[in-house]
N, C-alpha and C. Protein backbone atom coordinates (compact mmCIF):
# COMPACT_ATOMS: atom_id res chain seq x y z
N UNK A 1 -92.00 -68.82 29.27
CA UNK A 1 -91.70 -69.04 28.24
C UNK A 1 -90.36 -68.44 27.62
N UNK A 2 -89.89 -69.22 27.07
CA UNK A 2 -88.50 -68.58 26.39
C UNK A 2 -88.75 -67.55 25.08
N UNK A 3 -88.33 -66.37 24.95
CA UNK A 3 -88.49 -65.50 23.90
C UNK A 3 -87.19 -65.07 23.50
N UNK A 4 -86.77 -64.95 22.15
CA UNK A 4 -85.62 -64.70 21.49
C UNK A 4 -85.53 -63.17 21.68
N UNK A 5 -84.15 -62.81 21.78
CA UNK A 5 -83.94 -61.47 21.95
C UNK A 5 -84.23 -60.86 20.34
N UNK A 6 -83.88 -61.44 19.30
CA UNK A 6 -83.84 -60.77 18.00
C UNK A 6 -85.09 -61.72 17.09
N UNK A 7 -85.68 -61.01 15.96
CA UNK A 7 -86.53 -61.62 15.14
C UNK A 7 -85.52 -62.48 14.19
N UNK A 8 -86.16 -63.52 13.81
CA UNK A 8 -85.11 -64.53 12.94
C UNK A 8 -85.94 -64.13 11.49
N UNK A 9 -85.20 -64.18 10.16
CA UNK A 9 -85.63 -64.37 9.01
C UNK A 9 -85.53 -65.51 8.50
N UNK A 10 -86.67 -66.49 8.54
CA UNK A 10 -86.47 -67.64 7.63
C UNK A 10 -86.60 -67.95 6.36
N UNK A 11 -85.96 -68.91 5.97
CA UNK A 11 -85.84 -69.14 4.37
C UNK A 11 -86.67 -70.33 4.16
N UNK A 12 -88.06 -70.17 3.25
CA UNK A 12 -88.93 -71.33 2.85
C UNK A 12 -88.06 -72.53 2.55
N UNK A 13 -87.14 -72.28 1.46
CA UNK A 13 -86.28 -73.35 1.25
C UNK A 13 -85.08 -72.79 1.53
N UNK A 14 -84.12 -73.47 2.02
CA UNK A 14 -82.74 -73.06 2.42
C UNK A 14 -82.21 -72.62 1.07
N UNK A 15 -81.39 -71.22 1.44
CA UNK A 15 -80.75 -70.45 0.56
C UNK A 15 -79.55 -71.13 0.56
N UNK A 16 -78.53 -71.48 -0.56
CA UNK A 16 -77.52 -72.14 -0.58
C UNK A 16 -76.42 -70.59 -0.98
N UNK A 17 -75.29 -70.15 -0.33
CA UNK A 17 -74.36 -69.24 -0.80
C UNK A 17 -73.10 -69.65 -0.53
N UNK A 18 -71.98 -69.14 -1.58
CA UNK A 18 -70.81 -69.76 -1.20
C UNK A 18 -70.10 -68.98 0.16
N UNK A 19 -69.33 -69.36 0.52
CA UNK A 19 -68.68 -68.91 1.97
C UNK A 19 -67.28 -69.65 2.31
N UNK A 20 -66.65 -68.94 3.00
CA UNK A 20 -65.61 -69.23 3.51
C UNK A 20 -65.59 -69.47 5.29
N UNK A 21 -65.20 -70.55 5.47
CA UNK A 21 -65.59 -70.87 6.95
C UNK A 21 -64.07 -71.00 7.60
N UNK A 22 -63.90 -70.09 8.68
CA UNK A 22 -62.79 -70.00 9.21
C UNK A 22 -62.92 -70.65 10.53
N UNK A 23 -62.05 -71.64 11.10
CA UNK A 23 -62.15 -71.80 12.40
C UNK A 23 -60.98 -71.23 13.34
N UNK A 24 -61.19 -70.68 14.33
CA UNK A 24 -60.20 -69.65 15.22
C UNK A 24 -59.78 -70.62 16.21
N UNK A 25 -58.37 -71.16 16.14
CA UNK A 25 -57.74 -72.04 17.39
C UNK A 25 -56.49 -70.88 17.85
N UNK A 26 -56.08 -70.87 18.90
CA UNK A 26 -54.85 -69.99 19.36
C UNK A 26 -54.56 -68.95 18.57
N UNK A 27 -55.51 -68.32 18.07
CA UNK A 27 -55.29 -66.96 17.31
C UNK A 27 -54.79 -67.38 15.95
N UNK A 28 -54.98 -68.54 15.30
CA UNK A 28 -54.99 -68.95 14.13
C UNK A 28 -56.20 -69.35 13.56
N UNK A 29 -56.18 -68.89 12.23
CA UNK A 29 -57.56 -68.95 11.22
C UNK A 29 -57.28 -70.11 10.32
N UNK A 30 -57.70 -71.25 10.36
CA UNK A 30 -57.88 -72.51 9.32
C UNK A 30 -59.17 -72.37 8.40
N UNK A 31 -58.99 -71.64 7.42
CA UNK A 31 -60.11 -71.27 6.45
C UNK A 31 -60.33 -72.45 5.53
N UNK A 32 -61.31 -72.62 5.24
CA UNK A 32 -62.14 -73.81 4.21
C UNK A 32 -63.10 -73.07 3.44
N UNK A 33 -63.13 -73.16 1.84
CA UNK A 33 -64.08 -72.81 1.14
C UNK A 33 -65.37 -73.69 1.14
N UNK A 34 -66.57 -73.58 1.14
CA UNK A 34 -67.87 -74.24 1.29
C UNK A 34 -68.71 -73.82 0.75
N UNK A 35 -69.92 -74.30 0.46
CA UNK A 35 -71.31 -73.59 0.38
C UNK A 35 -71.90 -74.03 1.42
N UNK A 36 -72.88 -72.91 1.86
CA UNK A 36 -73.61 -73.19 3.10
C UNK A 36 -75.40 -72.72 2.60
N UNK A 37 -75.93 -73.80 3.12
CA UNK A 37 -77.49 -73.41 3.06
C UNK A 37 -77.90 -72.87 4.47
N UNK A 38 -78.38 -71.56 4.05
CA UNK A 38 -78.85 -70.69 5.33
C UNK A 38 -80.71 -71.26 5.52
N UNK A 39 -80.62 -71.56 6.89
CA UNK A 39 -81.94 -71.84 7.25
C UNK A 39 -82.74 -70.86 8.00
N UNK A 40 -82.24 -69.74 8.64
CA UNK A 40 -82.93 -68.55 9.33
C UNK A 40 -81.14 -67.81 9.74
N UNK A 41 -81.33 -66.53 9.55
CA UNK A 41 -80.71 -65.50 10.21
C UNK A 41 -81.43 -64.75 11.29
N UNK A 42 -80.63 -63.76 11.96
CA UNK A 42 -81.14 -62.76 12.75
C UNK A 42 -79.79 -62.13 13.05
N UNK A 43 -80.14 -61.04 13.97
CA UNK A 43 -79.19 -59.85 14.26
C UNK A 43 -78.25 -60.71 15.08
N UNK A 44 -78.56 -61.70 16.11
CA UNK A 44 -77.81 -62.43 16.97
C UNK A 44 -77.54 -63.69 16.55
N UNK A 45 -77.98 -64.22 15.86
CA UNK A 45 -77.69 -65.68 15.34
C UNK A 45 -78.02 -65.99 14.03
N UNK A 46 -77.59 -67.35 13.72
CA UNK A 46 -77.77 -68.14 12.33
C UNK A 46 -77.99 -69.50 12.48
N UNK A 47 -78.69 -69.96 11.68
CA UNK A 47 -78.73 -71.46 11.38
C UNK A 47 -78.45 -71.91 10.05
N UNK A 48 -77.33 -72.66 9.68
CA UNK A 48 -77.03 -73.15 8.34
C UNK A 48 -76.48 -74.57 8.04
N UNK A 49 -76.74 -75.25 7.00
CA UNK A 49 -76.35 -76.45 6.98
C UNK A 49 -74.69 -76.66 5.87
N UNK A 50 -73.77 -77.22 6.22
CA UNK A 50 -72.61 -77.20 5.50
C UNK A 50 -72.24 -78.38 5.38
N UNK A 51 -71.24 -79.07 4.79
CA UNK A 51 -70.44 -80.26 4.77
C UNK A 51 -69.07 -79.84 5.42
N UNK A 52 -68.61 -78.92 6.17
CA UNK A 52 -67.68 -78.58 6.91
C UNK A 52 -68.14 -79.11 8.13
N UNK A 53 -67.09 -79.86 9.00
CA UNK A 53 -67.28 -80.35 10.47
C UNK A 53 -66.54 -79.37 11.08
N UNK A 54 -67.15 -78.83 11.87
CA UNK A 54 -66.87 -78.07 13.10
C UNK A 54 -67.60 -78.48 14.31
N UNK A 55 -66.76 -78.06 15.90
CA UNK A 55 -67.11 -78.33 17.04
C UNK A 55 -68.06 -77.33 17.77
N UNK A 56 -68.86 -77.95 18.54
CA UNK A 56 -69.73 -76.97 19.38
C UNK A 56 -68.59 -76.40 20.15
N UNK A 57 -69.09 -74.95 20.75
CA UNK A 57 -67.80 -74.07 21.10
C UNK A 57 -66.72 -73.61 20.34
N UNK A 58 -66.50 -74.13 19.02
CA UNK A 58 -65.90 -73.33 18.17
C UNK A 58 -66.02 -72.07 17.66
N UNK A 59 -65.15 -71.04 17.61
CA UNK A 59 -65.24 -69.84 17.30
C UNK A 59 -64.99 -69.84 15.68
N UNK A 60 -65.80 -69.27 14.63
CA UNK A 60 -65.84 -69.16 13.48
C UNK A 60 -65.67 -67.88 12.74
N UNK A 61 -65.11 -67.58 11.75
CA UNK A 61 -64.93 -66.45 11.01
C UNK A 61 -65.69 -66.90 9.70
N UNK A 62 -66.74 -66.42 9.52
CA UNK A 62 -67.60 -66.70 8.38
C UNK A 62 -67.13 -65.56 7.26
N UNK A 63 -67.13 -65.81 5.90
CA UNK A 63 -67.22 -64.84 4.80
C UNK A 63 -68.60 -65.31 4.20
N UNK A 64 -69.82 -64.60 3.97
CA UNK A 64 -70.80 -65.10 3.05
C UNK A 64 -71.19 -63.99 2.48
N UNK A 65 -71.36 -64.39 1.04
CA UNK A 65 -72.09 -63.34 0.15
C UNK A 65 -73.75 -63.29 0.29
N UNK A 66 -74.12 -62.22 1.08
CA UNK A 66 -75.42 -62.19 1.83
C UNK A 66 -75.94 -60.80 1.14
N UNK A 67 -75.76 -59.76 1.91
CA UNK A 67 -76.31 -58.51 1.65
C UNK A 67 -75.31 -57.69 0.55
N UNK A 68 -73.61 -57.96 0.70
CA UNK A 68 -72.81 -57.44 0.03
C UNK A 68 -72.11 -58.25 -0.65
N UNK A 69 -70.76 -57.99 -1.40
CA UNK A 69 -70.21 -59.13 -2.10
C UNK A 69 -69.57 -59.89 -0.96
N UNK A 70 -69.43 -59.28 0.34
CA UNK A 70 -68.80 -60.27 1.40
C UNK A 70 -69.41 -59.56 2.75
N UNK A 71 -70.12 -60.22 3.49
CA UNK A 71 -70.39 -60.26 4.95
C UNK A 71 -69.58 -60.78 5.73
N UNK A 72 -68.90 -60.38 6.68
CA UNK A 72 -67.91 -61.04 7.71
C UNK A 72 -68.66 -60.96 8.87
N UNK A 73 -68.90 -62.22 9.59
CA UNK A 73 -69.37 -62.74 10.73
C UNK A 73 -68.42 -63.45 11.48
N UNK A 74 -68.38 -63.00 13.03
CA UNK A 74 -67.32 -63.92 13.96
C UNK A 74 -68.28 -64.39 14.65
N UNK A 75 -68.49 -65.74 14.92
CA UNK A 75 -69.42 -66.34 15.77
C UNK A 75 -68.76 -67.70 16.60
N UNK A 76 -69.90 -67.91 17.45
CA UNK A 76 -69.54 -69.27 18.28
C UNK A 76 -70.66 -70.36 17.79
N UNK A 77 -70.05 -71.67 17.61
CA UNK A 77 -71.04 -72.65 17.46
C UNK A 77 -71.92 -73.02 18.61
N UNK A 78 -73.20 -72.89 18.91
CA UNK A 78 -73.56 -73.43 19.88
C UNK A 78 -74.30 -74.71 19.95
N UNK A 79 -74.82 -75.08 18.72
CA UNK A 79 -75.21 -76.75 18.64
C UNK A 79 -75.06 -76.92 17.27
N UNK A 80 -75.05 -78.30 17.33
CA UNK A 80 -74.79 -79.14 15.83
C UNK A 80 -75.40 -80.39 15.83
N UNK A 81 -75.97 -80.41 14.47
CA UNK A 81 -76.85 -81.66 14.20
C UNK A 81 -76.05 -82.25 13.07
N UNK A 82 -75.69 -83.56 13.09
CA UNK A 82 -75.03 -84.42 11.95
C UNK A 82 -76.18 -85.39 11.24
N UNK A 83 -75.77 -85.29 10.11
CA UNK A 83 -76.30 -86.32 9.24
C UNK A 83 -75.34 -87.29 8.48
N UNK A 84 -75.67 -87.93 7.64
CA UNK A 84 -74.59 -88.82 6.88
C UNK A 84 -73.41 -88.01 6.05
N UNK A 85 -74.09 -86.79 5.51
CA UNK A 85 -73.14 -86.16 4.56
C UNK A 85 -73.10 -84.55 4.79
N UNK A 86 -73.46 -84.26 5.94
CA UNK A 86 -73.91 -82.90 6.57
C UNK A 86 -74.06 -82.36 7.83
N UNK A 87 -73.63 -81.33 8.11
CA UNK A 87 -73.79 -80.62 9.54
C UNK A 87 -74.57 -79.50 9.56
N UNK A 88 -75.59 -79.45 10.43
CA UNK A 88 -76.51 -78.19 10.56
C UNK A 88 -76.21 -77.57 11.91
N UNK A 89 -75.84 -76.18 11.95
CA UNK A 89 -75.16 -75.44 13.05
C UNK A 89 -76.18 -74.36 13.38
N UNK A 90 -76.26 -74.22 14.76
CA UNK A 90 -76.72 -72.87 15.22
C UNK A 90 -75.66 -72.25 16.03
N UNK A 91 -75.42 -70.84 15.66
CA UNK A 91 -74.47 -69.85 15.90
C UNK A 91 -74.94 -69.03 16.52
N UNK A 92 -74.07 -68.46 17.36
CA UNK A 92 -74.39 -66.93 18.09
C UNK A 92 -73.17 -66.02 17.56
N UNK A 93 -73.89 -64.91 16.83
CA UNK A 93 -72.95 -63.67 16.51
C UNK A 93 -72.42 -62.89 17.35
N UNK A 94 -71.06 -63.07 17.48
CA UNK A 94 -70.34 -62.32 18.18
C UNK A 94 -70.18 -60.87 17.83
N UNK A 95 -69.80 -60.78 16.67
CA UNK A 95 -69.81 -59.26 16.03
C UNK A 95 -70.03 -59.62 14.35
N UNK A 96 -70.21 -58.72 13.67
CA UNK A 96 -70.53 -58.78 12.25
C UNK A 96 -69.98 -57.14 11.60
N UNK A 97 -69.73 -57.36 10.14
CA UNK A 97 -69.44 -56.03 9.69
C UNK A 97 -70.70 -55.06 9.65
N UNK A 98 -70.50 -53.79 9.42
CA UNK A 98 -71.64 -53.07 9.50
C UNK A 98 -72.64 -53.02 8.50
N UNK A 99 -72.43 -53.54 7.17
CA UNK A 99 -73.54 -54.06 6.53
C UNK A 99 -74.49 -54.87 7.13
N UNK A 100 -74.24 -56.27 7.40
CA UNK A 100 -74.93 -57.09 8.10
C UNK A 100 -75.66 -56.62 9.02
N UNK A 101 -75.00 -55.92 10.03
CA UNK A 101 -75.75 -55.45 11.07
C UNK A 101 -76.85 -54.45 10.68
N UNK A 102 -76.67 -53.40 9.90
CA UNK A 102 -77.53 -52.43 9.54
C UNK A 102 -78.93 -53.10 8.71
N UNK A 103 -78.46 -54.29 7.87
CA UNK A 103 -79.64 -54.81 7.15
C UNK A 103 -80.42 -55.79 8.30
N UNK A 104 -79.77 -56.50 9.21
CA UNK A 104 -80.53 -57.14 10.24
C UNK A 104 -81.62 -56.17 11.26
N UNK A 105 -80.63 -55.14 11.47
CA UNK A 105 -81.19 -54.35 12.43
C UNK A 105 -82.66 -53.74 11.76
N UNK A 106 -82.71 -53.15 10.29
CA UNK A 106 -83.82 -52.54 9.81
C UNK A 106 -84.83 -53.65 9.80
N UNK A 107 -84.57 -55.03 9.47
CA UNK A 107 -85.49 -55.79 9.39
C UNK A 107 -86.30 -56.22 10.55
N UNK A 108 -85.60 -55.97 11.74
CA UNK A 108 -86.06 -56.19 12.84
C UNK A 108 -87.04 -55.07 13.28
N UNK A 109 -86.37 -53.74 13.13
CA UNK A 109 -87.35 -52.56 13.47
C UNK A 109 -88.61 -52.78 12.51
N UNK A 110 -88.47 -53.18 11.38
CA UNK A 110 -89.70 -53.23 10.33
C UNK A 110 -90.67 -54.45 11.09
N UNK A 111 -90.21 -55.29 11.58
CA UNK A 111 -90.77 -56.33 11.99
C UNK A 111 -91.38 -55.83 13.32
N UNK A 112 -91.06 -54.94 14.21
CA UNK A 112 -91.74 -54.54 15.29
C UNK A 112 -92.56 -53.36 15.19
N UNK A 113 -92.20 -52.32 14.04
CA UNK A 113 -93.21 -51.35 14.03
C UNK A 113 -93.74 -51.28 12.79
N UNK A 114 -93.59 -52.27 11.76
CA UNK A 114 -94.23 -52.17 10.25
C UNK A 114 -93.97 -51.10 9.85
N UNK A 115 -92.68 -50.11 10.16
CA UNK A 115 -92.73 -49.00 9.21
C UNK A 115 -91.15 -49.15 8.78
N UNK A 116 -91.06 -48.87 7.25
CA UNK A 116 -90.00 -49.31 6.59
C UNK A 116 -89.05 -48.11 7.18
N UNK A 117 -87.46 -48.76 7.19
CA UNK A 117 -86.29 -47.96 7.77
C UNK A 117 -85.44 -47.55 6.32
N UNK A 118 -85.67 -46.46 6.16
CA UNK A 118 -85.00 -46.08 4.86
C UNK A 118 -83.41 -45.45 5.07
């Protein structure tokens, strides 16, 4: 049976946040403003829906308003599902800013120990 390395934080209703999605090609970042609807997040990955079309394997630089004014996440698109007017992605986080890491790490520690990290 497959078990995930990190706990996911699921949203009952997808939470929509403003974002900048940058696709990285040959050390050049093509940025687009968008809204993303977060489905779940973890220390090592994220699932979201957007109207921005990117490809599996693309490297992304995401600027999201999550735990601070801007959280920066560098990630790889692992899978994609398309509908008529949107795309849902599963991404693997390669690295993130320290605030995102600290928040998700403390969430995971709490889930594992039921002791709040202060």
